[in-house]
């Protein structure tokens, strides 16, 4: 299983970023996919999750209404569209799948700062 995130960077408050996670090594369309984030000294927290078909989604209260998770099963890719970004969204963002075991990507840094 391989998960490769991309799309992080530095953005001003109120700005937008779109994260992508390219997956391989498992049947992508058979598993829910998740995005987590982590800041130094804190536990990794679940940001959003999407079901196998994309019909069901979950969002942490802190990002509800600002972030949108989506997936393209033809491309084996999951996305996280992040709008109205705040400084407190600054973190390393990780793609995750539980496919008989828990797998993580390498993470992508998102920094929200003026």
PDB file of N, CA and C in Angstrom:
ATOM      1  N   UNK A   1       0.856  -1.193   0.000  1.00  0.00           N
ATOM      2  CA  UNK A   1       0.000   0.000   0.000  1.00  0.00           C
ATOM      3  C   UNK A   1       0.887   1.236   0.000  1.00  0.00           C
ATOM      4  N   UNK A   2       0.553   2.160  -0.886  1.00  0.00           N
ATOM      5  CA  UNK A   2       1.288   3.419  -0.933  1.00  0.00           C
ATOM      6  C   UNK A   2       0.302   4.568  -1.042  1.00  0.00           C
ATOM      7  N   UNK A   3       0.504   5.582  -0.208  1.00  0.00           N
ATOM      8  CA  UNK A   3      -0.302   6.792  -0.229  1.00  0.00           C
ATOM      9  C   UNK A   3       0.650   7.975  -0.372  1.00  0.00           C
ATOM     10  N   UNK A   4       0.439   8.790  -1.394  1.00  0.00           N
ATOM     11  CA  UNK A   4       1.335   9.908  -1.659  1.00  0.00           C
ATOM     12  C   UNK A   4       0.524  11.199  -1.698  1.00  0.00           C
ATOM     13  N   UNK A   5       0.748  12.052  -0.699  1.00  0.00           N
ATOM     14  CA  UNK A   5       0.036  13.334  -0.624  1.00  0.00           C
ATOM     15  C   UNK A   5       0.790  14.407  -1.402  1.00  0.00           C
ATOM     16  N   UNK A   6       0.032  15.378  -1.862  1.00  0.00           N
ATOM     17  CA  UNK A   6       0.609  16.554  -2.510  1.00  0.00           C
ATOM     18  C   UNK A   6      -0.355  17.715  -2.356  1.00  0.00           C
ATOM     19  N   UNK A   7       0.153  18.929  -2.632  1.00  0.00           N
ATOM     20  CA  UNK A   7      -0.717  20.096  -2.648  1.00  0.00           C
ATOM     21  C   UNK A   7      -0.585  21.025  -1.456  1.00  0.00           C
ATOM     22  N   UNK A   8       0.232  20.650  -0.481  1.00  0.00           N
ATOM     23  CA  UNK A   8       0.417  21.530   0.659  1.00  0.00           C
ATOM     24  C   UNK A   8       1.230  22.753   0.292  1.00  0.00           C
ATOM     25  N   UNK A   9       1.335  23.687   1.247  1.00  0.00           N
ATOM     26  CA  UNK A   9       2.111  24.885   1.006  1.00  0.00           C
ATOM     27  C   UNK A   9       1.772  25.981   1.982  1.00  0.00           C
ATOM     28  N   UNK A  10       2.234  27.177   1.650  1.00  0.00           N
ATOM     29  CA  UNK A  10       1.991  28.366   2.469  1.00  0.00           C
ATOM     30  C   UNK A  10       0.865  29.177   1.838  1.00  0.00           C
ATOM     31  N   UNK A  11      -0.117  29.542   2.642  1.00  0.00           N
ATOM     32  CA  UNK A  11      -1.253  30.309   2.144  1.00  0.00           C
ATOM     33  C   UNK A  11      -1.653  31.332   3.200  1.00  0.00           C
ATOM     34  N   UNK A  12      -2.185  32.458   2.741  1.00  0.00           N
ATOM     35  CA  UNK A  12      -2.637  33.483   3.668  1.00  0.00           C
ATOM     36  C   UNK A  12      -3.983  33.107   4.279  1.00  0.00           C
ATOM     37  N   UNK A  13      -4.278  33.619   5.456  1.00  0.00           N
ATOM     38  CA  UNK A  13      -5.608  33.382   6.038  1.00  0.00           C
ATOM     39  C   UNK A  13      -6.706  33.782   5.068  1.00  0.00           C
ATOM     40  N   UNK A  14      -7.719  32.939   4.995  1.00  0.00           N
ATOM     41  CA  UNK A  14      -8.806  33.159   4.050  1.00  0.00           C
ATOM     42  C   UNK A  14      -8.591  32.516   2.701  1.00  0.00           C
ATOM     43  N   UNK A  15      -7.397  32.024   2.470  1.00  0.00           N
ATOM     44  CA  UNK A  15      -7.070  31.408   1.189  1.00  0.00           C
ATOM     45  C   UNK A  15      -7.517  29.961   1.096  1.00  0.00           C
ATOM     46  N   UNK A  16      -7.167  29.341  -0.027  1.00  0.00           N
ATOM     47  CA  UNK A  16      -7.582  27.969  -0.307  1.00  0.00           C
ATOM     48  C   UNK A  16      -6.393  27.123  -0.748  1.00  0.00           C
ATOM     49  N   UNK A  17      -6.506  25.841  -0.477  1.00  0.00           N
ATOM     50  CA  UNK A  17      -5.565  24.851  -0.977  1.00  0.00           C
ATOM     51  C   UNK A  17      -6.351  23.577  -1.285  1.00  0.00           C
ATOM     52  N   UNK A  18      -5.821  22.801  -2.226  1.00  0.00           N
ATOM     53  CA  UNK A  18      -6.408  21.501  -2.535  1.00  0.00           C
ATOM     54  C   UNK A  18      -5.341  20.438  -2.374  1.00  0.00           C
ATOM     55  N   UNK A  19      -5.554  19.540  -1.432  1.00  0.00           N
ATOM     56  CA  UNK A  19      -4.646  18.423  -1.222  1.00  0.00           C
ATOM     57  C   UNK A  19      -5.110  17.228  -2.049  1.00  0.00           C
ATOM     58  N   UNK A  20      -4.152  16.465  -2.523  1.00  0.00           N
ATOM     59  CA  UNK A  20      -4.432  15.225  -3.249  1.00  0.00           C
ATOM     60  C   UNK A  20      -3.678  14.082  -2.596  1.00  0.00           C
ATOM     61  N   UNK A  21      -4.248  12.895  -2.692  1.00  0.00           N
ATOM     62  CA  UNK A  21      -3.597  11.695  -2.188  1.00  0.00           C
ATOM     63  C   UNK A  21      -3.760  10.605  -3.241  1.00  0.00           C
ATOM     64  N   UNK A  22      -2.650  10.226  -3.860  1.00  0.00           N
ATOM     65  CA  UNK A  22      -2.663   9.162  -4.856  1.00  0.00           C
ATOM     66  C   UNK A  22      -2.396   7.833  -4.169  1.00  0.00           C
ATOM     67  N   UNK A  23      -3.300   6.875  -4.365  1.00  0.00           N
ATOM     68  CA  UNK A  23      -3.219   5.598  -3.668  1.00  0.00           C
ATOM     69  C   UNK A  23      -2.884   4.464  -4.633  1.00  0.00           C
ATOM     70  N   UNK A  24      -2.179   3.467  -4.121  1.00  0.00           N
ATOM     71  CA  UNK A  24      -1.867   2.290  -4.921  1.00  0.00           C
ATOM     72  C   UNK A  24      -1.625   1.104  -3.991  1.00  0.00           C
ATOM     73  N   UNK A  25      -1.693  -0.083  -4.566  1.00  0.00           N
ATOM     74  CA  UNK A  25      -1.393  -1.284  -3.783  1.00  0.00           C
ATOM     75  C   UNK A  25      -2.579  -1.938  -3.117  1.00  0.00           C
ATOM     76  N   UNK A  26      -3.764  -1.405  -3.348  1.00  0.00           N
ATOM     77  CA  UNK A  26      -4.979  -2.004  -2.807  1.00  0.00           C
ATOM     78  C   UNK A  26      -6.142  -1.591  -3.708  1.00  0.00           C
ATOM     79  N   UNK A  27      -7.284  -2.226  -3.500  1.00  0.00           N
ATOM     80  CA  UNK A  27      -8.464  -1.912  -4.300  1.00  0.00           C
ATOM     81  C   UNK A  27      -9.106  -0.655  -3.740  1.00  0.00           C
ATOM     82  N   UNK A  28      -8.737   0.463  -4.324  1.00  0.00           N
ATOM     83  CA  UNK A  28      -9.090   1.783  -3.790  1.00  0.00           C
ATOM     84  C   UNK A  28     -10.588   1.928  -3.567  1.00  0.00           C
ATOM     85  N   UNK A  29     -11.382   1.485  -4.515  1.00  0.00           N
ATOM     86  CA  UNK A  29     -12.825   1.701  -4.450  1.00  0.00           C
ATOM     87  C   UNK A  29     -13.508   0.872  -3.370  1.00  0.00           C
ATOM     88  N   UNK A  30     -12.787  -0.013  -2.719  1.00  0.00           N
ATOM     89  CA  UNK A  30     -13.371  -0.871  -1.689  1.00  0.00           C
ATOM     90  C   UNK A  30     -13.218  -0.320  -0.280  1.00  0.00           C
ATOM     91  N   UNK A  31     -12.553   0.819  -0.125  1.00  0.00           N
ATOM     92  CA  UNK A  31     -12.240   1.318   1.218  1.00  0.00           C
ATOM     93  C   UNK A  31     -12.583   2.790   1.388  1.00  0.00           C
ATOM     94  N   UNK A  32     -13.040   3.107   2.598  1.00  0.00           N
ATOM     95  CA  UNK A  32     -13.158   4.503   2.979  1.00  0.00           C
ATOM     96  C   UNK A  32     -11.763   5.111   3.059  1.00  0.00           C
ATOM     97  N   UNK A  33     -11.694   6.397   2.822  1.00  0.00           N
ATOM     98  CA  UNK A  33     -10.427   7.124   2.883  1.00  0.00           C
ATOM     99  C   UNK A  33     -10.575   8.306   3.841  1.00  0.00           C
ATOM    100  N   UNK A  34      -9.483   8.650   4.489  1.00  0.00           N
ATOM    101  CA  UNK A  34      -9.535   9.711   5.485  1.00  0.00           C
ATOM    102  C   UNK A  34      -8.366  10.674   5.338  1.00  0.00           C
ATOM    103  N   UNK A  35      -8.591  11.883   5.819  1.00  0.00           N
ATOM    104  CA  UNK A  35      -7.533  12.878   6.004  1.00  0.00           C
ATOM    105  C   UNK A  35      -7.425  13.173   7.499  1.00  0.00           C
ATOM    106  N   UNK A  36      -6.202  13.159   8.000  1.00  0.00           N
ATOM    107  CA  UNK A  36      -5.887  13.534   9.371  1.00  0.00           C
ATOM    108  C   UNK A  36      -4.917  14.705   9.321  1.00  0.00           C
ATOM    109  N   UNK A  37      -4.751  15.367  10.457  1.00  0.00           N
ATOM    110  CA  UNK A  37      -3.720  16.391  10.583  1.00  0.00           C
ATOM    111  C   UNK A  37      -3.094  16.328  11.964  1.00  0.00           C
ATOM    112  N   UNK A  38      -1.873  16.848  12.026  1.00  0.00           N
ATOM    113  CA  UNK A  38      -1.141  16.814  13.294  1.00  0.00           C
ATOM    114  C   UNK A  38      -0.252  18.030  13.416  1.00  0.00           C
ATOM    115  N   UNK A  39      -0.259  18.618  14.604  1.00  0.00           N
ATOM    116  CA  UNK A  39       0.649  19.707  14.940  1.00  0.00           C
ATOM    117  C   UNK A  39       1.582  19.216  16.041  1.00  0.00           C
ATOM    118  N   UNK A  40       2.753  19.856  16.174  1.00  0.00           N
ATOM    119  CA  UNK A  40       3.733  19.390  17.172  1.00  0.00           C
ATOM    120  C   UNK A  40       3.132  19.338  18.569  1.00  0.00           C
ATOM    121  N   UNK A  41       3.358  18.238  19.252  1.00  0.00           N
ATOM    122  CA  UNK A  41       2.902  18.090  20.621  1.00  0.00           C
ATOM    123  C   UNK A  41       1.463  17.672  20.777  1.00  0.00           C
ATOM    124  N   UNK A  42       0.771  17.498  19.655  1.00  0.00           N
ATOM    125  CA  UNK A  42      -0.642  17.097  19.708  1.00  0.00           C
ATOM    126  C   UNK A  42      -0.834  15.765  18.996  1.00  0.00           C
ATOM    127  N   UNK A  43      -1.925  15.095  19.366  1.00  0.00           N
ATOM    128  CA  UNK A  43      -2.253  13.843  18.695  1.00  0.00           C
ATOM    129  C   UNK A  43      -2.790  14.121  17.298  1.00  0.00           C
ATOM    130  N   UNK A  44      -2.614  13.134  16.439  1.00  0.00           N
ATOM    131  CA  UNK A  44      -3.160  13.241  15.096  1.00  0.00           C
ATOM    132  C   UNK A  44      -4.684  13.225  15.197  1.00  0.00           C
ATOM    133  N   UNK A  45      -5.340  14.160  14.501  1.00  0.00           N
ATOM    134  CA  UNK A  45      -6.790  14.256  14.587  1.00  0.00           C
ATOM    135  C   UNK A  45      -7.435  14.011  13.219  1.00  0.00           C
ATOM    136  N   UNK A  46      -8.588  13.365  13.260  1.00  0.00           N
ATOM    137  CA  UNK A  46      -9.344  13.116  12.039  1.00  0.00           C
ATOM    138  C   UNK A  46      -9.970  14.415  11.546  1.00  0.00           C
ATOM    139  N   UNK A  47      -9.743  14.730  10.287  1.00  0.00           N
ATOM    140  CA  UNK A  47     -10.288  15.943   9.677  1.00  0.00           C
ATOM    141  C   UNK A  47     -11.541  15.604   8.856  1.00  0.00           C
ATOM    142  N   UNK A  48     -11.438  14.586   8.016  1.00  0.00           N
ATOM    143  CA  UNK A  48     -12.564  14.225   7.146  1.00  0.00           C
ATOM    144  C   UNK A  48     -12.411  12.785   6.688  1.00  0.00           C
ATOM    145  N   UNK A  49     -13.548  12.178   6.387  1.00  0.00           N
ATOM    146  CA  UNK A  49     -13.567  10.797   5.900  1.00  0.00           C
ATOM    147  C   UNK A  49     -14.618  10.690   4.808  1.00  0.00           C
ATOM    148  N   UNK A  50     -14.354   9.823   3.836  1.00  0.00           N
ATOM    149  CA  UNK A  50     -15.305   9.623   2.745  1.00  0.00           C
ATOM    150  C   UNK A  50     -15.499   8.131   2.529  1.00  0.00           C
ATOM    151  N   UNK A  51     -16.745   7.746   2.287  1.00  0.00           N
ATOM    152  CA  UNK A  51     -17.058   6.345   2.056  1.00  0.00           C
ATOM    153  C   UNK A  51     -16.577   5.868   0.698  1.00  0.00           C
ATOM    154  N   UNK A  52     -16.783   4.574   0.469  1.00  0.00           N
ATOM    155  CA  UNK A  52     -16.222   3.933  -0.726  1.00  0.00           C
ATOM    156  C   UNK A  52     -16.701   4.561  -2.022  1.00  0.00           C
ATOM    157  N   UNK A  53     -17.956   4.948  -2.080  1.00  0.00           N
ATOM    158  CA  UNK A  53     -18.508   5.516  -3.318  1.00  0.00           C
ATOM    159  C   UNK A  53     -18.488   7.034  -3.325  1.00  0.00           C
ATOM    160  N   UNK A  54     -18.181   7.636  -2.192  1.00  0.00           N
ATOM    161  CA  UNK A  54     -18.232   9.091  -2.088  1.00  0.00           C
ATOM    162  C   UNK A  54     -19.567   9.617  -1.613  1.00  0.00           C
ATOM    163  N   UNK A  55     -20.523   8.722  -1.409  1.00  0.00           N
ATOM    164  CA  UNK A  55     -21.871   9.158  -1.035  1.00  0.00           C
ATOM    165  C   UNK A  55     -21.952   9.603   0.423  1.00  0.00           C
ATOM    166  N   UNK A  56     -21.071   9.100   1.260  1.00  0.00           N
ATOM    167  CA  UNK A  56     -21.090   9.470   2.676  1.00  0.00           C
ATOM    168  C   UNK A  56     -19.790  10.152   3.048  1.00  0.00           C
ATOM    169  N   UNK A  57     -19.916  11.197   3.849  1.00  0.00           N
ATOM    170  CA  UNK A  57     -18.751  11.943   4.310  1.00  0.00           C
ATOM    171  C   UNK A  57     -18.911  12.302   5.781  1.00  0.00           C
ATOM    172  N   UNK A  58     -17.782  12.525   6.420  1.00  0.00           N
ATOM    173  CA  UNK A  58     -17.742  12.993   7.804  1.00  0.00           C
ATOM    174  C   UNK A  58     -16.717  14.115   7.889  1.00  0.00           C
ATOM    175  N   UNK A  59     -17.027  15.126   8.701  1.00  0.00           N
ATOM    176  CA  UNK A  59     -16.098  16.241   8.922  1.00  0.00           C
ATOM    177  C   UNK A  59     -15.990  16.535  10.410  1.00  0.00           C
ATOM    178  N   UNK A  60     -14.786  16.876  10.834  1.00  0.00           N
ATOM    179  CA  UNK A  60     -14.617  17.394  12.178  1.00  0.00           C
ATOM    180  C   UNK A  60     -15.339  18.732  12.270  1.00  0.00           C
ATOM    181  N   UNK A  61     -15.850  19.033  13.445  1.00  0.00           N
ATOM    182  CA  UNK A  61     -16.585  20.284  13.617  1.00  0.00           C
ATOM    183  C   UNK A  61     -15.739  21.502  13.240  1.00  0.00           C
ATOM    184  N   UNK A  62     -14.450  21.411  13.481  1.00  0.00           N
ATOM    185  CA  UNK A  62     -13.563  22.549  13.251  1.00  0.00           C
ATOM    186  C   UNK A  62     -13.415  22.905  11.772  1.00  0.00           C
ATOM    187  N   UNK A  63     -13.757  21.985  10.868  1.00  0.00           N
ATOM    188  CA  UNK A  63     -13.583  22.249   9.437  1.00  0.00           C
ATOM    189  C   UNK A  63     -14.900  22.206   8.668  1.00  0.00           C
ATOM    190  N   UNK A  64     -15.979  21.853   9.340  1.00  0.00           N
ATOM    191  CA  UNK A  64     -17.268  21.718   8.676  1.00  0.00           C
ATOM    192  C   UNK A  64     -17.668  23.031   8.019  1.00  0.00           C
ATOM    193  N   UNK A  65     -18.081  22.956   6.752  1.00  0.00           N
ATOM    194  CA  UNK A  65     -18.472  24.141   6.008  1.00  0.00           C
ATOM    195  C   UNK A  65     -17.322  24.830   5.297  1.00  0.00           C
ATOM    196  N   UNK A  66     -16.089  24.435   5.604  1.00  0.00           N
ATOM    197  CA  UNK A  66     -14.922  25.044   4.944  1.00  0.00           C
ATOM    198  C   UNK A  66     -14.143  24.041   4.101  1.00  0.00           C
ATOM    199  N   UNK A  67     -14.113  22.795   4.532  1.00  0.00           N
ATOM    200  CA  UNK A  67     -13.364  21.742   3.830  1.00  0.00           C
ATOM    201  C   UNK A  67     -14.340  20.798   3.134  1.00  0.00           C
ATOM    202  N   UNK A  68     -13.896  20.263   2.001  1.00  0.00           N
ATOM    203  CA  UNK A  68     -14.684  19.270   1.269  1.00  0.00           C
ATOM    204  C   UNK A  68     -13.788  18.114   0.856  1.00  0.00           C
ATOM    205  N   UNK A  69     -14.168  16.909   1.255  1.00  0.00           N
ATOM    206  CA  UNK A  69     -13.444  15.713   0.845  1.00  0.00           C
ATOM    207  C   UNK A  69     -14.163  15.094  -0.343  1.00  0.00           C
ATOM    208  N   UNK A  70     -13.384  14.605  -1.295  1.00  0.00           N
ATOM    209  CA  UNK A  70     -13.961  13.953  -2.466  1.00  0.00           C
ATOM    210  C   UNK A  70     -12.990  12.875  -2.945  1.00  0.00           C
ATOM    211  N   UNK A  71     -13.470  12.043  -3.853  1.00  0.00           N
ATOM    212  CA  UNK A  71     -12.605  10.981  -4.377  1.00  0.00           C
ATOM    213  C   UNK A  71     -12.939  10.708  -5.833  1.00  0.00           C
ATOM    214  N   UNK A  72     -11.937  10.215  -6.539  1.00  0.00           N
ATOM    215  CA  UNK A  72     -12.098   9.788  -7.924  1.00  0.00           C
ATOM    216  C   UNK A  72     -11.612   8.347  -7.990  1.00  0.00           C
ATOM    217  N   UNK A  73     -12.542   7.403  -7.986  1.00  0.00           N
ATOM    218  CA  UNK A  73     -12.155   5.991  -7.952  1.00  0.00           C
ATOM    219  C   UNK A  73     -11.482   5.546  -9.249  1.00  0.00           C
ATOM    220  N   UNK A  74     -11.717   6.265 -10.330  1.00  0.00           N
ATOM    221  CA  UNK A  74     -11.047   5.934 -11.591  1.00  0.00           C
ATOM    222  C   UNK A  74      -9.571   6.307 -11.550  1.00  0.00           C
ATOM    223  N   UNK A  75      -9.247   7.291 -10.730  1.00  0.00           N
ATOM    224  CA  UNK A  75      -7.856   7.759 -10.621  1.00  0.00           C
ATOM    225  C   UNK A  75      -7.191   7.318  -9.325  1.00  0.00           C
ATOM    226  N   UNK A  76      -7.912   6.563  -8.494  1.00  0.00           N
ATOM    227  CA  UNK A  76      -7.370   6.112  -7.196  1.00  0.00           C
ATOM    228  C   UNK A  76      -6.831   7.292  -6.387  1.00  0.00           C
ATOM    229  N   UNK A  77      -7.608   8.350  -6.344  1.00  0.00           N
ATOM    230  CA  UNK A  77      -7.159   9.577  -5.684  1.00  0.00           C
ATOM    231  C   UNK A  77      -8.265  10.139  -4.795  1.00  0.00           C
ATOM    232  N   UNK A  78      -7.853  10.616  -3.635  1.00  0.00           N
ATOM    233  CA  UNK A  78      -8.766  11.318  -2.737  1.00  0.00           C
ATOM    234  C   UNK A  78      -8.264  12.748  -2.573  1.00  0.00           C
ATOM    235  N   UNK A  79      -9.197  13.674  -2.446  1.00  0.00           N
ATOM    236  CA  UNK A  79      -8.875  15.102  -2.395  1.00  0.00           C
ATOM    237  C   UNK A  79      -9.406  15.722  -1.109  1.00  0.00           C
ATOM    238  N   UNK A  80      -8.785  16.827  -0.723  1.00  0.00           N
ATOM    239  CA  UNK A  80      -9.311  17.645   0.362  1.00  0.00           C
ATOM    240  C   UNK A  80      -9.223  19.096  -0.091  1.00  0.00           C
ATOM    241  N   UNK A  81     -10.378  19.665  -0.426  1.00  0.00           N
ATOM    242  CA  UNK A  81     -10.457  21.080  -0.786  1.00  0.00           C
ATOM    243  C   UNK A  81     -10.622  21.879   0.498  1.00  0.00           C
ATOM    244  N   UNK A  82      -9.707  22.790   0.745  1.00  0.00           N
ATOM    245  CA  UNK A  82      -9.706  23.566   1.977  1.00  0.00           C
ATOM    246  C   UNK A  82      -9.894  25.037   1.632  1.00  0.00           C
ATOM    247  N   UNK A  83     -11.001  25.599   2.056  1.00  0.00           N
ATOM    248  CA  UNK A  83     -11.315  27.012   1.813  1.00  0.00           C
ATOM    249  C   UNK A  83     -11.360  27.771   3.130  1.00  0.00           C
ATOM    250  N   UNK A  84     -11.323  29.082   3.037  1.00  0.00           N
ATOM    251  CA  UNK A  84     -11.392  29.948   4.225  1.00  0.00           C
ATOM    252  C   UNK A  84     -10.413  29.483   5.294  1.00  0.00           C
ATOM    253  N   UNK A  85      -9.198  29.242   4.890  1.00  0.00           N
ATOM    254  CA  UNK A  85      -8.203  28.690   5.808  1.00  0.00           C
ATOM    255  C   UNK A  85      -7.868  29.662   6.923  1.00  0.00           C
ATOM    256  N   UNK A  86      -7.621  29.089   8.098  1.00  0.00           N
ATOM    257  CA  UNK A  86      -7.303  29.852   9.299  1.00  0.00           C
ATOM    258  C   UNK A  86      -5.914  29.452   9.792  1.00  0.00           C
ATOM    259  N   UNK A  87      -5.261  30.307  10.556  1.00  0.00           N
ATOM    260  CA  UNK A  87      -3.952  29.938  11.106  1.00  0.00           C
ATOM    261  C   UNK A  87      -3.990  28.630  11.895  1.00  0.00           C
ATOM    262  N   UNK A  88      -5.101  28.350  12.551  1.00  0.00           N
ATOM    263  CA  UNK A  88      -5.200  27.113  13.329  1.00  0.00           C
ATOM    264  C   UNK A  88      -5.331  25.868  12.462  1.00  0.00           C
ATOM    265  N   UNK A  89      -5.455  26.030  11.166  1.00  0.00           N
ATOM    266  CA  UNK A  89      -5.435  24.884  10.245  1.00  0.00           C
ATOM    267  C   UNK A  89      -4.003  24.459   9.913  1.00  0.00           C
ATOM    268  N   UNK A  90      -3.031  25.241  10.346  1.00  0.00           N
ATOM    269  CA  UNK A  90      -1.635  24.898  10.110  1.00  0.00           C
ATOM    270  C   UNK A  90      -1.300  23.552  10.745  1.00  0.00           C
ATOM    271  N   UNK A  91      -0.799  22.632   9.926  1.00  0.00           N
ATOM    272  CA  UNK A  91      -0.512  21.271  10.405  1.00  0.00           C
ATOM    273  C   UNK A  91       0.119  20.482   9.262  1.00  0.00           C
ATOM    274  N   UNK A  92       0.591  19.299   9.601  1.00  0.00           N
ATOM    275  CA  UNK A  92       0.930  18.317   8.580  1.00  0.00           C
ATOM    276  C   UNK A  92      -0.319  17.472   8.339  1.00  0.00           C
ATOM    277  N   UNK A  93      -0.703  17.370   7.094  1.00  0.00           N
ATOM    278  CA  UNK A  93      -1.924  16.644   6.728  1.00  0.00           C
ATOM    279  C   UNK A  93      -1.536  15.279   6.152  1.00  0.00           C
ATOM    280  N   UNK A  94      -2.222  14.247   6.650  1.00  0.00           N
ATOM    281  CA  UNK A  94      -1.923  12.876   6.270  1.00  0.00           C
ATOM    282  C   UNK A  94      -3.141  12.204   5.639  1.00  0.00           C
ATOM    283  N   UNK A  95      -2.893  11.453   4.606  1.00  0.00           N
ATOM    284  CA  UNK A  95      -3.892  10.583   4.008  1.00  0.00           C
ATOM    285  C   UNK A  95      -3.843   9.239   4.729  1.00  0.00           C
ATOM    286  N   UNK A  96      -5.005   8.606   4.884  1.00  0.00           N
ATOM    287  CA  UNK A  96      -5.073   7.359   5.653  1.00  0.00           C
ATOM    288  C   UNK A  96      -6.083   6.394   5.062  1.00  0.00           C
ATOM    289  N   UNK A  97      -5.734   5.119   5.120  1.00  0.00           N
ATOM    290  CA  UNK A  97      -6.690   4.056   4.795  1.00  0.00           C
ATOM    291  C   UNK A  97      -6.467   2.907   5.769  1.00  0.00           C
ATOM    292  N   UNK A  98      -7.581   2.301   6.193  1.00  0.00           N
ATOM    293  CA  UNK A  98      -7.494   1.068   6.966  1.00  0.00           C
ATOM    294  C   UNK A  98      -7.896  -0.056   6.028  1.00  0.00           C
ATOM    295  N   UNK A  99      -6.896  -0.727   5.469  1.00  0.00           N
ATOM    296  CA  UNK A  99      -7.108  -1.829   4.528  1.00  0.00           C
ATOM    297  C   UNK A  99      -6.400  -3.049   5.103  1.00  0.00           C
ATOM    298  N   UNK A 100      -7.066  -3.718   6.014  1.00  0.00           N
ATOM    299  CA  UNK A 100      -6.523  -4.859   6.777  1.00  0.00           C
ATOM    300  C   UNK A 100      -5.427  -4.420   7.743  1.00  0.00           C
ATOM    301  N   UNK A 101      -4.914  -3.263   7.581  1.00  0.00           N
ATOM    302  CA  UNK A 101      -3.963  -2.628   8.487  1.00  0.00           C
ATOM    303  C   UNK A 101      -4.102  -1.131   8.282  1.00  0.00           C
ATOM    304  N   UNK A 102      -3.493  -0.362   9.195  1.00  0.00           N
ATOM    305  CA  UNK A 102      -3.595   1.095   9.106  1.00  0.00           C
ATOM    306  C   UNK A 102      -2.414   1.635   8.306  1.00  0.00           C
ATOM    307  N   UNK A 103      -2.712   2.367   7.231  1.00  0.00           N
ATOM    308  CA  UNK A 103      -1.655   2.900   6.378  1.00  0.00           C
ATOM    309  C   UNK A 103      -1.737   4.422   6.319  1.00  0.00           C
ATOM    310  N   UNK A 104      -0.536   5.037   6.270  1.00  0.00           N
ATOM    311  CA  UNK A 104      -0.423   6.497   6.239  1.00  0.00           C
ATOM    312  C   UNK A 104       0.476   6.930   5.090  1.00  0.00           C
ATOM    313  N   UNK A 105       0.186   8.106   4.568  1.00  0.00           N
ATOM    314  CA  UNK A 105       1.116   8.740   3.652  1.00  0.00           C
ATOM    315  C   UNK A 105       2.232   9.426   4.430  1.00  0.00           C
ATOM    316  N   UNK A 106       3.104  10.106   3.695  1.00  0.00           N
ATOM    317  CA  UNK A 106       4.263  10.753   4.319  1.00  0.00           C
ATOM    318  C   UNK A 106       3.887  12.117   4.910  1.00  0.00           C
ATOM    319  N   UNK A 107       2.728  12.625   4.539  1.00  0.00           N
ATOM    320  CA  UNK A 107       2.267  13.914   5.045  1.00  0.00           C
ATOM    321  C   UNK A 107       2.667  15.065   4.143  1.00  0.00           C
ATOM    322  N   UNK A 108       1.862  16.108   4.179  1.00  0.00           N
ATOM    323  CA  UNK A 108       2.158  17.338   3.446  1.00  0.00           C
ATOM    324  C   UNK A 108       1.887  18.518   4.372  1.00  0.00           C
ATOM    325  N   UNK A 109       2.821  19.440   4.419  1.00  0.00           N
ATOM    326  CA  UNK A 109       2.733  20.584   5.335  1.00  0.00           C
ATOM    327  C   UNK A 109       1.798  21.648   4.770  1.00  0.00           C
ATOM    328  N   UNK A 110       0.884  22.098   5.606  1.00  0.00           N
ATOM    329  CA  UNK A 110       0.015  23.231   5.284  1.00  0.00           C
ATOM    330  C   UNK A 110       0.287  24.318   6.323  1.00  0.00           C
ATOM    331  N   UNK A 111       0.666  25.484   5.847  1.00  0.00           N
ATOM    332  CA  UNK A 111       0.941  26.610   6.739  1.00  0.00           C
ATOM    333  C   UNK A 111       0.057  27.776   6.337  1.00  0.00           C
ATOM    334  N   UNK A 112      -0.722  28.253   7.291  1.00  0.00           N
ATOM    335  CA  UNK A 112      -1.617  29.382   7.046  1.00  0.00           C
ATOM    336  C   UNK A 112      -1.091  30.564   7.859  1.00  0.00           C
ATOM    337  N   UNK A 113      -0.569  31.543   7.159  1.00  0.00           N
ATOM    338  CA  UNK A 113       0.070  32.666   7.831  1.00  0.00           C
ATOM    339  C   UNK A 113       0.125  33.859   6.897  1.00  0.00           C
ATOM    340  N   UNK A 114       0.033  35.039   7.498  1.00  0.00           N
ATOM    341  CA  UNK A 114       0.180  36.265   6.699  1.00  0.00           C
ATOM    342  C   UNK A 114       1.627  36.740   6.728  1.00  0.00           C
TER     343      UNK A 114
END
